[in-house]
Amino acid sequence: MTRPKSDRVIDARGLEPPEPFVLTMDALDRLPKGEKLLLLLYREPYPLYKALGNNGFCHEVEHAADGTVEILIWHASA
């Protein structure tokens, strides 16, 4: 990633499941419409993707050269 995509970042690369999921869902509960959350992990969080769709969020995924999975999340209605 060449520039920040979000002011809100959860770097969960060193955390074990389900902690990244729990932290992300808690942060999304407080995420204002129009803002985005960037989640950094070392693996694809497939259960999270389903939860995002079920809770009205969209996401984009990029894979960085260092192996980081960068997930940008926002309200679908924003």
Protein backbone atom coordinates (compact mmCIF):
# COMPACT_ATOMS: atom_id res chain seq x y z
CA MET A 1 0.00 0.00 0.00
CA THR A 2 1.48 3.31 -1.02
CA ARG A 3 -0.73 5.62 1.02
CA PRO A 4 -3.15 5.25 3.92
CA LYS A 5 -6.67 4.38 2.85
CA SER A 6 -8.19 4.95 6.25
CA ASP A 7 -7.54 6.80 9.48
CA ARG A 8 -8.88 3.79 11.37
CA VAL A 9 -6.55 0.81 11.27
CA ILE A 10 -6.57 -2.52 13.09
CA ASP A 11 -3.22 -4.27 12.76
CA ALA A 12 -4.17 -7.80 13.72
CA ARG A 13 -1.25 -9.56 12.06
CA GLY A 14 0.11 -10.92 15.34
CA LEU A 15 -3.24 -11.93 16.84
CA GLU A 16 -4.82 -15.39 16.94
CA PRO A 17 -8.44 -16.08 15.97
CA PRO A 18 -11.00 -15.06 17.02
CA GLU A 19 -9.42 -11.86 18.34
CA PRO A 20 -9.12 -10.08 14.93
CA PHE A 21 -12.77 -10.89 14.19
CA VAL A 22 -13.94 -9.61 17.59
CA LEU A 23 -11.85 -6.42 17.38
CA THR A 24 -13.07 -5.74 13.85
CA MET A 25 -16.76 -6.22 14.64
CA ASP A 26 -16.43 -4.02 17.75
CA ALA A 27 -14.76 -1.28 15.68
CA LEU A 28 -17.42 -1.53 12.99
CA ASP A 29 -20.14 -1.05 15.61
CA ARG A 30 -18.62 2.40 16.20
CA LEU A 31 -17.62 3.24 12.61
CA PRO A 32 -19.41 6.39 11.42
CA LYS A 33 -21.05 6.22 8.00
CA GLY A 34 -18.70 7.61 5.37
CA GLU A 35 -15.55 6.42 7.17
CA LYS A 36 -13.51 3.32 6.38
CA LEU A 37 -11.66 0.79 8.51
CA LEU A 38 -8.47 -0.91 7.35
CA LEU A 39 -7.78 -4.38 8.76
CA LEU A 40 -4.30 -5.92 8.38
CA LEU A 41 -3.86 -9.69 8.63
CA TYR A 42 -1.56 -12.45 7.41
CA ARG A 43 -4.43 -14.68 6.22
CA GLU A 44 -7.75 -14.30 4.44
CA PRO A 45 -10.53 -13.94 7.05
CA TYR A 46 -13.27 -15.81 5.13
CA PRO A 47 -15.74 -15.96 8.07
CA LEU A 48 -15.38 -12.19 8.43
CA TYR A 49 -16.32 -11.61 4.78
CA LYS A 50 -19.65 -13.36 5.31
CA ALA A 51 -20.30 -11.42 8.53
CA LEU A 52 -19.55 -8.14 6.75
CA GLY A 53 -22.12 -8.84 4.05
CA ASN A 54 -24.70 -9.96 6.61
CA ASN A 55 -24.20 -6.73 8.60
CA GLY A 56 -24.38 -4.20 5.76
CA PHE A 57 -20.69 -3.65 5.03
CA CYS A 58 -18.67 -3.71 1.81
CA HIS A 59 -14.99 -4.57 1.57
CA GLU A 60 -12.03 -4.59 -0.80
CA VAL A 61 -9.00 -6.85 -0.42
CA GLU A 62 -5.41 -6.27 -1.50
CA HIS A 63 -2.42 -8.54 -1.01
CA ALA A 64 0.83 -6.75 -0.13
CA ALA A 65 4.26 -8.03 -1.14
CA ASP A 66 5.11 -8.88 2.48
CA GLY A 67 2.16 -11.27 2.73
CA THR A 68 -0.18 -8.86 4.46
CA VAL A 69 -3.84 -9.08 3.54
CA GLU A 70 -5.27 -5.55 3.59
CA ILE A 71 -9.06 -5.41 3.99
CA LEU A 72 -10.74 -2.02 3.58
CA ILE A 73 -14.26 -2.02 5.09
CA TRP A 74 -17.08 0.53 4.91
CA HIS A 75 -20.86 0.81 5.32
CA ALA A 76 -22.68 -0.36 2.19
CA SER A 77 -25.12 2.52 2.52
CA ALA A 78 -22.35 5.16 2.66
